[in-house]
Amino acid sequence: MRKVHHFNTKETAEILNWSDSKVKSKLKQALKALEKQLEKEDGGYYAEER
């Protein structure tokens, strides 16, 4: 929600009834999982571009 709908951490936490730290942690986990998926799908090209 935070990245797609441009809510800040506090707004996202309130909507989901989570703590700010949980929102930050889940976002970090999701971005890491997305990065791994992109690397897997493009044969490592994404990692080389960074």
Protein backbone atom coordinates (compact mmCIF):
# COMPACT_ATOMS: atom_id res chain seq x y z
CA MET A 1 0.00 0.00 0.00
CA ARG A 2 2.73 2.39 0.95
CA LYS A 3 4.49 2.36 -2.41
CA VAL A 4 1.45 1.81 -4.63
CA HIS A 5 -0.88 4.37 -3.04
CA HIS A 6 1.88 6.72 -1.82
CA PHE A 7 0.80 6.56 1.83
CA ASN A 8 3.44 7.46 4.35
CA THR A 9 4.50 5.00 7.04
CA LYS A 10 2.15 6.41 9.66
CA GLU A 11 -0.88 6.34 7.34
CA THR A 12 -0.14 2.77 6.28
CA ALA A 13 0.28 1.67 9.89
CA GLU A 14 -3.05 3.22 10.84
CA ILE A 15 -4.89 1.62 7.90
CA LEU A 16 -3.46 -1.84 8.62
CA ASN A 17 -3.50 -1.46 12.39
CA TRP A 18 0.23 -2.23 12.48
CA SER A 19 3.13 -0.49 14.19
CA ASP A 20 5.34 1.83 12.16
CA SER A 21 8.22 -0.60 12.57
CA LYS A 22 6.15 -3.48 11.19
CA VAL A 23 5.24 -1.43 8.11
CA LYS A 24 8.90 -0.61 7.51
CA SER A 25 9.96 -4.22 8.07
CA LYS A 26 7.31 -5.65 5.74
CA LEU A 27 8.17 -3.11 3.04
CA LYS A 28 11.85 -4.02 3.27
CA GLN A 29 11.00 -7.75 3.06
CA ALA A 30 8.70 -7.20 0.09
CA LEU A 31 11.25 -5.14 -1.83
CA LYS A 32 13.93 -7.75 -1.21
CA ALA A 33 11.59 -10.52 -2.43
CA LEU A 34 10.73 -8.46 -5.53
CA GLU A 35 14.40 -7.89 -6.25
CA LYS A 36 15.12 -11.63 -5.99
CA GLN A 37 12.20 -12.42 -8.29
CA LEU A 38 13.39 -9.88 -10.87
CA GLU A 39 16.91 -11.32 -10.76
CA LYS A 40 15.51 -14.83 -11.20
CA GLU A 41 13.32 -13.85 -14.16
CA ASP A 42 15.93 -11.88 -16.07
CA GLY A 43 18.89 -14.18 -15.52
CA GLY A 44 20.76 -11.73 -13.32
CA TYR A 45 20.58 -8.77 -15.71
CA TYR A 46 18.75 -6.64 -13.13
CA ALA A 47 21.53 -7.15 -10.57
CA GLU A 48 24.19 -6.14 -13.10
CA GLU A 49 22.41 -2.86 -13.87
CA ARG A 50 22.54 -1.60 -10.27
